[in-house]
Amino acid sequence: MNFLTFLQAAGAAQPQAGGGMSFWIMILLMFAVMWLFMIRPQRKQQKELEKFRNELKKGDKVVTAGGIYGTVADIQERTVLIKVDGDVKLRVDKNSIVRDYSEAQSNGEQTPQK
């Protein structure tokens, strides 16, 4: 065995330095991209929905999470009384109201027929 073969064998056994730092940079970049494209838009959407629910007033046309269309008749702290059809009124949790029905009408979406 000559001296050159001995040096090559010794050099192959040592791990290369600097690989650990690039790993951590990649992990941080992955979390940053995930936050930018997934978490941030979700939080924005939740804030808009919360603002919508807090600004509800009598006469607003709304849709519940279950797909019930109605008009707001009364608002309490945690519940909303919605008039569904004729004299039919339902009391639902405020968190079950998901969107404004009058907004859907102005966008040209089909409305339920009576």
PDB file of N, CA and C in Angstrom:
ATOM      1  N   MET A   1       0.838  -1.157   0.000  1.00  0.00           N
ATOM      2  CA  MET A   1       0.000   0.000   0.000  1.00  0.00           C
ATOM      3  C   MET A   1       0.893   1.233   0.000  1.00  0.00           C
ATOM      4  N   ASN A   2       0.645   2.123  -0.922  1.00  0.00           N
ATOM      5  CA  ASN A   2       1.499   3.299  -0.965  1.00  0.00           C
ATOM      6  C   ASN A   2       0.876   4.444  -0.171  1.00  0.00           C
ATOM      7  N   PHE A   3       1.576   5.494  -0.064  1.00  0.00           N
ATOM      8  CA  PHE A   3       1.181   6.644   0.756  1.00  0.00           C
ATOM      9  C   PHE A   3      -0.060   7.347   0.192  1.00  0.00           C
ATOM     10  N   LEU A   4      -0.205   7.427  -1.129  1.00  0.00           N
ATOM     11  CA  LEU A   4      -1.324   8.096  -1.777  1.00  0.00           C
ATOM     12  C   LEU A   4      -2.644   7.356  -1.485  1.00  0.00           C
ATOM     13  N   THR A   5      -2.630   6.049  -1.519  1.00  0.00           N
ATOM     14  CA  THR A   5      -3.814   5.262  -1.212  1.00  0.00           C
ATOM     15  C   THR A   5      -4.222   5.465   0.239  1.00  0.00           C
ATOM     16  N   PHE A   6      -3.281   5.574   1.112  1.00  0.00           N
ATOM     17  CA  PHE A   6      -3.540   5.802   2.528  1.00  0.00           C
ATOM     18  C   PHE A   6      -4.215   7.151   2.746  1.00  0.00           C
ATOM     19  N   LEU A   7      -3.809   8.208   2.056  1.00  0.00           N
ATOM     20  CA  LEU A   7      -4.400   9.532   2.198  1.00  0.00           C
ATOM     21  C   LEU A   7      -5.833   9.560   1.660  1.00  0.00           C
ATOM     22  N   GLN A   8      -6.065   8.861   0.555  1.00  0.00           N
ATOM     23  CA  GLN A   8      -7.420   8.823   0.000  1.00  0.00           C
ATOM     24  C   GLN A   8      -8.381   8.112   0.943  1.00  0.00           C
ATOM     25  N   ALA A   9      -7.945   7.034   1.560  1.00  0.00           N
ATOM     26  CA  ALA A   9      -8.786   6.294   2.501  1.00  0.00           C
ATOM     27  C   ALA A   9      -9.089   7.138   3.737  1.00  0.00           C
ATOM     28  N   ALA A  10      -8.131   7.887   4.205  1.00  0.00           N
ATOM     29  CA  ALA A  10      -8.325   8.728   5.380  1.00  0.00           C
ATOM     30  C   ALA A  10      -9.263   9.891   5.054  1.00  0.00           C
ATOM     31  N   GLY A  11      -9.161  10.433   3.876  1.00  0.00           N
ATOM     32  CA  GLY A  11     -10.022  11.545   3.474  1.00  0.00           C
ATOM     33  C   GLY A  11     -11.458  11.113   3.271  1.00  0.00           C
ATOM     34  N   ALA A  12     -11.706   9.903   2.825  1.00  0.00           N
ATOM     35  CA  ALA A  12     -13.066   9.413   2.584  1.00  0.00           C
ATOM     36  C   ALA A  12     -13.806   9.175   3.884  1.00  0.00           C
ATOM     37  N   ALA A  13     -13.116   8.919   4.959  1.00  0.00           N
ATOM     38  CA  ALA A  13     -13.750   8.612   6.235  1.00  0.00           C
ATOM     39  C   ALA A  13     -14.269   9.868   6.931  1.00  0.00           C
ATOM     40  N   GLN A  14     -13.743  11.043   6.590  1.00  0.00           N
ATOM     41  CA  GLN A  14     -14.154  12.271   7.255  1.00  0.00           C
ATOM     42  C   GLN A  14     -15.384  12.866   6.548  1.00  0.00           C
ATOM     43  N   PRO A  15     -16.417  13.253   7.300  1.00  0.00           N
ATOM     44  CA  PRO A  15     -17.582  13.889   6.681  1.00  0.00           C
ATOM     45  C   PRO A  15     -17.229  15.307   6.226  1.00  0.00           C
ATOM     46  N   GLN A  16     -17.887  15.753   5.183  1.00  0.00           N
ATOM     47  CA  GLN A  16     -17.606  17.091   4.686  1.00  0.00           C
ATOM     48  C   GLN A  16     -18.326  18.111   5.558  1.00  0.00           C
ATOM     49  N   ALA A  17     -17.676  19.191   5.835  1.00  0.00           N
ATOM     50  CA  ALA A  17     -18.230  20.255   6.672  1.00  0.00           C
ATOM     51  C   ALA A  17     -19.122  21.161   5.821  1.00  0.00           C
ATOM     52  N   GLY A  18     -20.100  21.827   6.468  1.00  0.00           N
ATOM     53  CA  GLY A  18     -20.952  22.779   5.781  1.00  0.00           C
ATOM     54  C   GLY A  18     -22.285  22.199   5.357  1.00  0.00           C
ATOM     55  N   GLY A  19     -22.461  20.917   5.363  1.00  0.00           N
ATOM     56  CA  GLY A  19     -23.716  20.299   4.963  1.00  0.00           C
ATOM     57  C   GLY A  19     -24.832  20.572   5.959  1.00  0.00           C
ATOM     58  N   GLY A  20     -24.512  20.724   7.221  1.00  0.00           N
ATOM     59  CA  GLY A  20     -25.513  20.957   8.258  1.00  0.00           C
ATOM     60  C   GLY A  20     -26.169  22.319   8.150  1.00  0.00           C
ATOM     61  N   MET A  21     -25.393  23.316   7.782  1.00  0.00           N
ATOM     62  CA  MET A  21     -25.932  24.672   7.677  1.00  0.00           C
ATOM     63  C   MET A  21     -26.935  24.780   6.526  1.00  0.00           C
ATOM     64  N   SER A  22     -26.655  24.178   5.402  1.00  0.00           N
ATOM     65  CA  SER A  22     -27.573  24.251   4.269  1.00  0.00           C
ATOM     66  C   SER A  22     -28.872  23.490   4.569  1.00  0.00           C
ATOM     67  N   PHE A  23     -28.789  22.453   5.375  1.00  0.00           N
ATOM     68  CA  PHE A  23     -29.985  21.711   5.789  1.00  0.00           C
ATOM     69  C   PHE A  23     -30.923  22.616   6.582  1.00  0.00           C
ATOM     70  N   TRP A  24     -30.385  23.353   7.549  1.00  0.00           N
ATOM     71  CA  TRP A  24     -31.210  24.220   8.379  1.00  0.00           C
ATOM     72  C   TRP A  24     -31.796  25.379   7.577  1.00  0.00           C
ATOM     73  N   ILE A  25     -31.039  25.890   6.627  1.00  0.00           N
ATOM     74  CA  ILE A  25     -31.556  26.958   5.772  1.00  0.00           C
ATOM     75  C   ILE A  25     -32.728  26.438   4.945  1.00  0.00           C
ATOM     76  N   MET A  26     -32.605  25.232   4.414  1.00  0.00           N
ATOM     77  CA  MET A  26     -33.687  24.631   3.637  1.00  0.00           C
ATOM     78  C   MET A  26     -34.935  24.424   4.494  1.00  0.00           C
ATOM     79  N   ILE A  27     -34.768  23.949   5.708  1.00  0.00           N
ATOM     80  CA  ILE A  27     -35.906  23.736   6.613  1.00  0.00           C
ATOM     81  C   ILE A  27     -36.596  25.066   6.902  1.00  0.00           C
ATOM     82  N   LEU A  28     -35.835  26.114   7.192  1.00  0.00           N
ATOM     83  CA  LEU A  28     -36.417  27.430   7.459  1.00  0.00           C
ATOM     84  C   LEU A  28     -37.150  27.969   6.238  1.00  0.00           C
ATOM     85  N   LEU A  29     -36.594  27.770   5.061  1.00  0.00           N
ATOM     86  CA  LEU A  29     -37.260  28.212   3.836  1.00  0.00           C
ATOM     87  C   LEU A  29     -38.571  27.464   3.615  1.00  0.00           C
ATOM     88  N   MET A  30     -38.599  26.182   3.923  1.00  0.00           N
ATOM     89  CA  MET A  30     -39.837  25.411   3.777  1.00  0.00           C
ATOM     90  C   MET A  30     -40.922  25.933   4.714  1.00  0.00           C
ATOM     91  N   PHE A  31     -40.561  26.232   5.963  1.00  0.00           N
ATOM     92  CA  PHE A  31     -41.536  26.777   6.899  1.00  0.00           C
ATOM     93  C   PHE A  31     -42.010  28.158   6.467  1.00  0.00           C
ATOM     94  N   ALA A  32     -41.115  28.984   5.942  1.00  0.00           N
ATOM     95  CA  ALA A  32     -41.492  30.317   5.478  1.00  0.00           C
ATOM     96  C   ALA A  32     -42.474  30.230   4.310  1.00  0.00           C
ATOM     97  N   VAL A  33     -42.225  29.354   3.384  1.00  0.00           N
ATOM     98  CA  VAL A  33     -43.124  29.194   2.234  1.00  0.00           C
ATOM     99  C   VAL A  33     -44.470  28.649   2.693  1.00  0.00           C
ATOM    100  N   MET A  34     -44.457  27.693   3.613  1.00  0.00           N
ATOM    101  CA  MET A  34     -45.690  27.123   4.129  1.00  0.00           C
ATOM    102  C   MET A  34     -46.515  28.198   4.831  1.00  0.00           C
ATOM    103  N   TRP A  35     -45.870  29.035   5.618  1.00  0.00           N
ATOM    104  CA  TRP A  35     -46.577  30.111   6.315  1.00  0.00           C
ATOM    105  C   TRP A  35     -47.154  31.099   5.306  1.00  0.00           C
ATOM    106  N   LEU A  36     -46.370  31.440   4.288  1.00  0.00           N
ATOM    107  CA  LEU A  36     -46.784  32.438   3.308  1.00  0.00           C
ATOM    108  C   LEU A  36     -47.969  31.974   2.469  1.00  0.00           C
ATOM    109  N   PHE A  37     -47.983  30.717   2.069  1.00  0.00           N
ATOM    110  CA  PHE A  37     -49.021  30.239   1.159  1.00  0.00           C
ATOM    111  C   PHE A  37     -50.170  29.503   1.835  1.00  0.00           C
ATOM    112  N   MET A  38     -50.021  29.083   3.083  1.00  0.00           N
ATOM    113  CA  MET A  38     -51.084  28.307   3.722  1.00  0.00           C
ATOM    114  C   MET A  38     -51.650  28.975   4.968  1.00  0.00           C
ATOM    115  N   ILE A  39     -50.819  29.314   5.909  1.00  0.00           N
ATOM    116  CA  ILE A  39     -51.294  29.800   7.205  1.00  0.00           C
ATOM    117  C   ILE A  39     -51.787  31.242   7.112  1.00  0.00           C
ATOM    118  N   ARG A  40     -51.052  32.103   6.455  1.00  0.00           N
ATOM    119  CA  ARG A  40     -51.413  33.521   6.368  1.00  0.00           C
ATOM    120  C   ARG A  40     -52.756  33.731   5.673  1.00  0.00           C
ATOM    121  N   PRO A  41     -53.018  33.133   4.506  1.00  0.00           N
ATOM    122  CA  PRO A  41     -54.331  33.326   3.877  1.00  0.00           C
ATOM    123  C   PRO A  41     -55.490  32.776   4.712  1.00  0.00           C
ATOM    124  N   GLN A  42     -55.262  31.670   5.418  1.00  0.00           N
ATOM    125  CA  GLN A  42     -56.306  31.095   6.263  1.00  0.00           C
ATOM    126  C   GLN A  42     -56.657  32.042   7.401  1.00  0.00           C
ATOM    127  N   ARG A  43     -55.647  32.640   8.033  1.00  0.00           N
ATOM    128  CA  ARG A  43     -55.907  33.589   9.117  1.00  0.00           C
ATOM    129  C   ARG A  43     -56.666  34.808   8.599  1.00  0.00           C
ATOM    130  N   LYS A  44     -56.307  35.280   7.422  1.00  0.00           N
ATOM    131  CA  LYS A  44     -56.989  36.434   6.823  1.00  0.00           C
ATOM    132  C   LYS A  44     -58.460  36.111   6.575  1.00  0.00           C
ATOM    133  N   GLN A  45     -58.733  34.923   6.056  1.00  0.00           N
ATOM    134  CA  GLN A  45     -60.100  34.502   5.789  1.00  0.00           C
ATOM    135  C   GLN A  45     -60.902  34.386   7.088  1.00  0.00           C
ATOM    136  N   GLN A  46     -60.275  33.871   8.140  1.00  0.00           N
ATOM    137  CA  GLN A  46     -60.959  33.743   9.424  1.00  0.00           C
ATOM    138  C   GLN A  46     -61.298  35.111  10.014  1.00  0.00           C
ATOM    139  N   LYS A  47     -60.387  36.076   9.875  1.00  0.00           N
ATOM    140  CA  LYS A  47     -60.637  37.420  10.387  1.00  0.00           C
ATOM    141  C   LYS A  47     -61.779  38.086   9.629  1.00  0.00           C
ATOM    142  N   GLU A  48     -61.849  37.899   8.317  1.00  0.00           N
ATOM    143  CA  GLU A  48     -62.930  38.471   7.524  1.00  0.00           C
ATOM    144  C   GLU A  48     -64.278  37.865   7.920  1.00  0.00           C
ATOM    145  N   LEU A  49     -64.313  36.556   8.151  1.00  0.00           N
ATOM    146  CA  LEU A  49     -65.551  35.891   8.560  1.00  0.00           C
ATOM    147  C   LEU A  49     -65.993  36.362   9.943  1.00  0.00           C
ATOM    148  N   GLU A  50     -65.057  36.526  10.859  1.00  0.00           N
ATOM    149  CA  GLU A  50     -65.375  37.013  12.201  1.00  0.00           C
ATOM    150  C   GLU A  50     -65.911  38.444  12.138  1.00  0.00           C
ATOM    151  N   LYS A  51     -65.303  39.269  11.294  1.00  0.00           N
ATOM    152  CA  LYS A  51     -65.763  40.650  11.119  1.00  0.00           C
ATOM    153  C   LYS A  51     -67.182  40.655  10.552  1.00  0.00           C
ATOM    154  N   PHE A  52     -67.449  39.799   9.563  1.00  0.00           N
ATOM    155  CA  PHE A  52     -68.786  39.691   8.977  1.00  0.00           C
ATOM    156  C   PHE A  52     -69.810  39.319  10.036  1.00  0.00           C
ATOM    157  N   ARG A  53     -69.494  38.344  10.865  1.00  0.00           N
ATOM    158  CA  ARG A  53     -70.438  37.894  11.896  1.00  0.00           C
ATOM    159  C   ARG A  53     -70.689  38.982  12.936  1.00  0.00           C
ATOM    160  N   ASN A  54     -69.673  39.750  13.270  1.00  0.00           N
ATOM    161  CA  ASN A  54     -69.837  40.818  14.262  1.00  0.00           C
ATOM    162  C   ASN A  54     -70.624  42.002  13.714  1.00  0.00           C
ATOM    163  N   GLU A  55     -70.636  42.176  12.392  1.00  0.00           N
ATOM    164  CA  GLU A  55     -71.340  43.302  11.782  1.00  0.00           C
ATOM    165  C   GLU A  55     -72.744  42.944  11.301  1.00  0.00           C
ATOM    166  N   LEU A  56     -73.246  41.766  11.655  1.00  0.00           N
ATOM    167  CA  LEU A  56     -74.597  41.373  11.250  1.00  0.00           C
ATOM    168  C   LEU A  56     -75.622  42.336  11.823  1.00  0.00           C
ATOM    169  N   LYS A  57     -76.662  42.595  11.043  1.00  0.00           N
ATOM    170  CA  LYS A  57     -77.740  43.459  11.510  1.00  0.00           C
ATOM    171  C   LYS A  57     -79.073  42.922  10.998  1.00  0.00           C
ATOM    172  N   LYS A  58     -80.163  43.416  11.555  1.00  0.00           N
ATOM    173  CA  LYS A  58     -81.500  42.981  11.141  1.00  0.00           C
ATOM    174  C   LYS A  58     -81.685  43.242   9.656  1.00  0.00           C
ATOM    175  N   GLY A  59     -82.298  42.270   8.979  1.00  0.00           N
ATOM    176  CA  GLY A  59     -82.584  42.426   7.566  1.00  0.00           C
ATOM    177  C   GLY A  59     -81.520  41.855   6.643  1.00  0.00           C
ATOM    178  N   ASP A  60     -80.353  41.496   7.171  1.00  0.00           N
ATOM    179  CA  ASP A  60     -79.301  40.894   6.339  1.00  0.00           C
ATOM    180  C   ASP A  60     -79.746  39.515   5.867  1.00  0.00           C
ATOM    181  N   LYS A  61     -79.470  39.219   4.622  1.00  0.00           N
ATOM    182  CA  LYS A  61     -79.771  37.894   4.081  1.00  0.00           C
ATOM    183  C   LYS A  61     -78.515  37.053   4.211  1.00  0.00           C
ATOM    184  N   VAL A  62     -78.651  35.887   4.874  1.00  0.00           N
ATOM    185  CA  VAL A  62     -77.486  35.063   5.193  1.00  0.00           C
ATOM    186  C   VAL A  62     -77.717  33.610   4.814  1.00  0.00           C
ATOM    187  N   VAL A  63     -76.611  32.861   4.788  1.00  0.00           N
ATOM    188  CA  VAL A  63     -76.637  31.417   4.558  1.00  0.00           C
ATOM    189  C   VAL A  63     -75.913  30.765   5.721  1.00  0.00           C
ATOM    190  N   THR A  64     -76.514  29.698   6.280  1.00  0.00           N
ATOM    191  CA  THR A  64     -75.865  28.989   7.382  1.00  0.00           C
ATOM    192  C   THR A  64     -74.930  27.915   6.828  1.00  0.00           C
ATOM    193  N   ALA A  65     -74.148  27.327   7.704  1.00  0.00           N
ATOM    194  CA  ALA A  65     -73.224  26.258   7.311  1.00  0.00           C
ATOM    195  C   ALA A  65     -73.983  25.048   6.785  1.00  0.00           C
ATOM    196  N   GLY A  66     -75.210  24.871   7.214  1.00  0.00           N
ATOM    197  CA  GLY A  66     -76.033  23.757   6.746  1.00  0.00           C
ATOM    198  C   GLY A  66     -76.745  24.044   5.441  1.00  0.00           C
ATOM    199  N   GLY A  67     -76.583  25.250   4.904  1.00  0.00           N
ATOM    200  CA  GLY A  67     -77.188  25.592   3.629  1.00  0.00           C
ATOM    201  C   GLY A  67     -78.572  26.196   3.741  1.00  0.00           C
ATOM    202  N   ILE A  68     -78.934  26.685   4.909  1.00  0.00           N
ATOM    203  CA  ILE A  68     -80.253  27.290   5.097  1.00  0.00           C
ATOM    204  C   ILE A  68     -80.160  28.786   4.779  1.00  0.00           C
ATOM    205  N   TYR A  69     -81.020  29.232   3.856  1.00  0.00           N
ATOM    206  CA  TYR A  69     -81.076  30.642   3.477  1.00  0.00           C
ATOM    207  C   TYR A  69     -82.118  31.327   4.340  1.00  0.00           C
ATOM    208  N   GLY A  70     -81.805  32.530   4.831  1.00  0.00           N
ATOM    209  CA  GLY A  70     -82.776  33.250   5.632  1.00  0.00           C
ATOM    210  C   GLY A  70     -82.399  34.701   5.804  1.00  0.00           C
ATOM    211  N   THR A  71     -83.280  35.432   6.482  1.00  0.00           N
ATOM    212  CA  THR A  71     -83.082  36.851   6.760  1.00  0.00           C
ATOM    213  C   THR A  71     -82.966  37.025   8.268  1.00  0.00           C
ATOM    214  N   VAL A  72     -81.990  37.805   8.698  1.00  0.00           N
ATOM    215  CA  VAL A  72     -81.760  38.019  10.128  1.00  0.00           C
ATOM    216  C   VAL A  72     -82.934  38.789  10.721  1.00  0.00           C
ATOM    217  N   ALA A  73     -83.554  38.217  11.770  1.00  0.00           N
ATOM    218  CA  ALA A  73     -84.687  38.848  12.449  1.00  0.00           C
ATOM    219  C   ALA A  73     -84.270  39.413  13.802  1.00  0.00           C
ATOM    220  N   ASP A  74     -83.323  38.760  14.474  1.00  0.00           N
ATOM    221  CA  ASP A  74     -82.893  39.207  15.800  1.00  0.00           C
ATOM    222  C   ASP A  74     -81.479  38.702  16.044  1.00  0.00           C
ATOM    223  N   ILE A  75     -80.699  39.502  16.751  1.00  0.00           N
ATOM    224  CA  ILE A  75     -79.312  39.126  17.045  1.00  0.00           C
ATOM    225  C   ILE A  75     -79.089  39.220  18.542  1.00  0.00           C
ATOM    226  N   GLN A  76     -78.542  38.160  19.107  1.00  0.00           N
ATOM    227  CA  GLN A  76     -78.109  38.171  20.498  1.00  0.00           C
ATOM    228  C   GLN A  76     -76.605  37.954  20.515  1.00  0.00           C
ATOM    229  N   GLU A  77     -76.050  37.832  21.706  1.00  0.00           N
ATOM    230  CA  GLU A  77     -74.594  37.723  21.818  1.00  0.00           C
ATOM    231  C   GLU A  77     -74.035  36.518  21.066  1.00  0.00           C
ATOM    232  N   ARG A  78     -74.621  35.344  21.249  1.00  0.00           N
ATOM    233  CA  ARG A  78     -74.090  34.124  20.623  1.00  0.00           C
ATOM    234  C   ARG A  78     -75.015  33.510  19.583  1.00  0.00           C
ATOM    235  N   THR A  79     -76.271  33.966  19.512  1.00  0.00           N
ATOM    236  CA  THR A  79     -77.225  33.358  18.595  1.00  0.00           C
ATOM    237  C   THR A  79     -77.851  34.404  17.678  1.00  0.00           C
ATOM    238  N   VAL A  80     -78.396  33.913  16.590  1.00  0.00           N
ATOM    239  CA  VAL A  80     -79.080  34.762  15.617  1.00  0.00           C
ATOM    240  C   VAL A  80     -80.412  34.091  15.282  1.00  0.00           C
ATOM    241  N   LEU A  81     -81.473  34.868  15.257  1.00  0.00           N
ATOM    242  CA  LEU A  81     -82.787  34.371  14.862  1.00  0.00           C
ATOM    243  C   LEU A  81     -82.959  34.735  13.390  1.00  0.00           C
ATOM    244  N   ILE A  82     -83.125  33.698  12.545  1.00  0.00           N
ATOM    245  CA  ILE A  82     -83.295  33.967  11.118  1.00  0.00           C
ATOM    246  C   ILE A  82     -84.688  33.555  10.675  1.00  0.00           C
ATOM    247  N   LYS A  83     -85.276  34.387   9.833  1.00  0.00           N
ATOM    248  CA  LYS A  83     -86.586  34.103   9.265  1.00  0.00           C
ATOM    249  C   LYS A  83     -86.344  33.344   7.975  1.00  0.00           C
ATOM    250  N   VAL A  84     -86.865  32.115   7.909  1.00  0.00           N
ATOM    251  CA  VAL A  84     -86.585  31.239   6.782  1.00  0.00           C
ATOM    252  C   VAL A  84     -87.637  31.405   5.699  1.00  0.00           C
ATOM    253  N   ASP A  85     -88.920  31.202   6.036  1.00  0.00           N
ATOM    254  CA  ASP A  85     -89.990  31.293   5.046  1.00  0.00           C
ATOM    255  C   ASP A  85     -91.297  31.558   5.773  1.00  0.00           C
ATOM    256  N   GLY A  86     -92.026  32.536   5.356  1.00  0.00           N
ATOM    257  CA  GLY A  86     -93.298  32.838   6.002  1.00  0.00           C
ATOM    258  C   GLY A  86     -93.088  33.212   7.459  1.00  0.00           C
ATOM    259  N   ASP A  87     -93.724  32.448   8.344  1.00  0.00           N
ATOM    260  CA  ASP A  87     -93.582  32.690   9.783  1.00  0.00           C
ATOM    261  C   ASP A  87     -92.561  31.773  10.431  1.00  0.00           C
ATOM    262  N   VAL A  88     -91.810  31.031   9.639  1.00  0.00           N
ATOM    263  CA  VAL A  88     -90.839  30.084  10.183  1.00  0.00           C
ATOM    264  C   VAL A  88     -89.563  30.829  10.559  1.00  0.00           C
ATOM    265  N   LYS A  89     -89.180  30.692  11.841  1.00  0.00           N
ATOM    266  CA  LYS A  89     -87.947  31.322  12.326  1.00  0.00           C
ATOM    267  C   LYS A  89     -87.088  30.265  13.006  1.00  0.00           C
ATOM    268  N   LEU A  90     -85.807  30.358  12.797  1.00  0.00           N
ATOM    269  CA  LEU A  90     -84.857  29.430  13.414  1.00  0.00           C
ATOM    270  C   LEU A  90     -83.820  30.209  14.197  1.00  0.00           C
ATOM    271  N   ARG A  91     -83.498  29.696  15.388  1.00  0.00           N
ATOM    272  CA  ARG A  91     -82.413  30.302  16.162  1.00  0.00           C
ATOM    273  C   ARG A  91     -81.173  29.440  15.936  1.00  0.00           C
ATOM    274  N   VAL A  92     -80.124  30.061  15.414  1.00  0.00           N
ATOM    275  CA  VAL A  92     -78.883  29.343  15.116  1.00  0.00           C
ATOM    276  C   VAL A  92     -77.721  30.029  15.823  1.00  0.00           C
ATOM    277  N   ASP A  93     -76.674  29.274  16.021  1.00  0.00           N
ATOM    278  CA  ASP A  93     -75.456  29.830  16.602  1.00  0.00           C
ATOM    279  C   ASP A  93     -74.842  30.807  15.606  1.00  0.00           C
ATOM    280  N   LYS A  94     -74.285  31.880  16.099  1.00  0.00           N
ATOM    281  CA  LYS A  94     -73.690  32.896  15.234  1.00  0.00           C
ATOM    282  C   LYS A  94     -72.548  32.322  14.395  1.00  0.00           C
ATOM    283  N   ASN A  95     -71.841  31.332  14.939  1.00  0.00           N
ATOM    284  CA  ASN A  95     -70.720  30.732  14.222  1.00  0.00           C
ATOM    285  C   ASN A  95     -71.158  29.870  13.041  1.00  0.00           C
ATOM    286  N   SER A  96     -72.450  29.554  12.955  1.00  0.00           N
ATOM    287  CA  SER A  96     -72.916  28.732  11.838  1.00  0.00           C
ATOM    288  C   SER A  96     -73.241  29.567  10.600  1.00  0.00           C
ATOM    289  N   ILE A  97     -73.242  30.885  10.737  1.00  0.00           N
ATOM    290  CA  ILE A  97     -73.506  31.741   9.583  1.00  0.00           C
ATOM    291  C   ILE A  97     -72.202  31.924   8.826  1.00  0.00           C
ATOM    292  N   VAL A  98     -72.235  31.565   7.528  1.00  0.00           N
ATOM    293  CA  VAL A  98     -70.989  31.530   6.771  1.00  0.00           C
ATOM    294  C   VAL A  98     -70.857  32.594   5.691  1.00  0.00           C
ATOM    295  N   ARG A  99     -71.991  33.093   5.171  1.00  0.00           N
ATOM    296  CA  ARG A  99     -71.839  34.147   4.161  1.00  0.00           C
ATOM    297  C   ARG A  99     -73.103  34.964   4.009  1.00  0.00           C
ATOM    298  N   ASP A 100     -72.945  36.079   3.313  1.00  0.00           N
ATOM    299  CA  ASP A 100     -74.026  37.007   3.052  1.00  0.00           C
ATOM    300  C   ASP A 100     -74.748  36.592   1.780  1.00  0.00           C
ATOM    301  N   TYR A 101     -76.027  36.336   1.876  1.00  0.00           N
ATOM    302  CA  TYR A 101     -76.823  35.878   0.744  1.00  0.00           C
ATOM    303  C   TYR A 101     -77.062  36.993  -0.266  1.00  0.00           C
ATOM    304  N   SER A 102     -77.195  38.223   0.189  1.00  0.00           N
ATOM    305  CA  SER A 102     -77.426  39.335  -0.731  1.00  0.00           C
ATOM    306  C   SER A 102     -76.212  39.554  -1.619  1.00  0.00           C
ATOM    307  N   GLU A 103     -75.022  39.231  -1.123  1.00  0.00           N
ATOM    308  CA  GLU A 103     -73.794  39.322  -1.915  1.00  0.00           C
ATOM    309  C   GLU A 103     -73.823  38.293  -3.045  1.00  0.00           C
ATOM    310  N   ALA A 104     -74.371  37.113  -2.769  1.00  0.00           N
ATOM    311  CA  ALA A 104     -74.479  36.069  -3.789  1.00  0.00           C
ATOM    312  C   ALA A 104     -75.457  36.489  -4.881  1.00  0.00           C
ATOM    313  N   GLN A 105     -76.510  37.180  -4.520  1.00  0.00           N
ATOM    314  CA  GLN A 105     -77.484  37.651  -5.505  1.00  0.00           C
ATOM    315  C   GLN A 105     -76.864  38.674  -6.440  1.00  0.00           C
ATOM    316  N   SER A 106     -76.051  39.573  -5.905  1.00  0.00           N
ATOM    317  CA  SER A 106     -75.449  40.609  -6.743  1.00  0.00           C
ATOM    318  C   SER A 106     -74.392  40.038  -7.678  1.00  0.00           C
ATOM    319  N   ASN A 107     -73.835  38.853  -7.355  1.00  0.00           N
ATOM    320  CA  ASN A 107     -72.837  38.216  -8.218  1.00  0.00           C
ATOM    321  C   ASN A 107     -73.479  37.391  -9.325  1.00  0.00           C
ATOM    322  N   GLY A 108     -74.796  37.310  -9.364  1.00  0.00           N
ATOM    323  CA  GLY A 108     -75.482  36.576 -10.411  1.00  0.00           C
ATOM    324  C   GLY A 108     -75.677  35.096 -10.121  1.00  0.00           C
ATOM    325  N   GLU A 109     -75.421  34.652  -8.895  1.00  0.00           N
ATOM    326  CA  GLU A 109     -75.644  33.259  -8.548  1.00  0.00           C
ATOM    327  C   GLU A 109     -77.143  33.009  -8.463  1.00  0.00           C
ATOM    328  N   GLN A 110     -77.530  31.768  -8.713  1.00  0.00           N
ATOM    329  CA  GLN A 110     -78.945  31.422  -8.649  1.00  0.00           C
ATOM    330  C   GLN A 110     -79.425  31.457  -7.216  1.00  0.00           C
ATOM    331  N   THR A 111     -80.646  31.898  -7.042  1.00  0.00           N
ATOM    332  CA  THR A 111     -81.236  31.980  -5.716  1.00  0.00           C
ATOM    333  C   THR A 111     -82.295  30.901  -5.559  1.00  0.00           C
ATOM    334  N   PRO A 112     -82.566  30.461  -4.345  1.00  0.00           N
ATOM    335  CA  PRO A 112     -83.587  29.439  -4.148  1.00  0.00           C
ATOM    336  C   PRO A 112     -84.958  29.991  -4.483  1.00  0.00           C
ATOM    337  N   GLN A 113     -85.783  29.180  -5.147  1.00  0.00           N
ATOM    338  CA  GLN A 113     -87.128  29.582  -5.529  1.00  0.00           C
ATOM    339  C   GLN A 113     -88.121  29.160  -4.462  1.00  0.00           C
ATOM    340  N   LYS A 114     -89.131  29.988  -4.245  1.00  0.00           N
ATOM    341  CA  LYS A 114     -90.174  29.663  -3.263  1.00  0.00           C
ATOM    342  C   LYS A 114     -91.328  28.989  -3.955  1.00  0.00           C
TER     343      LYS A 114
END
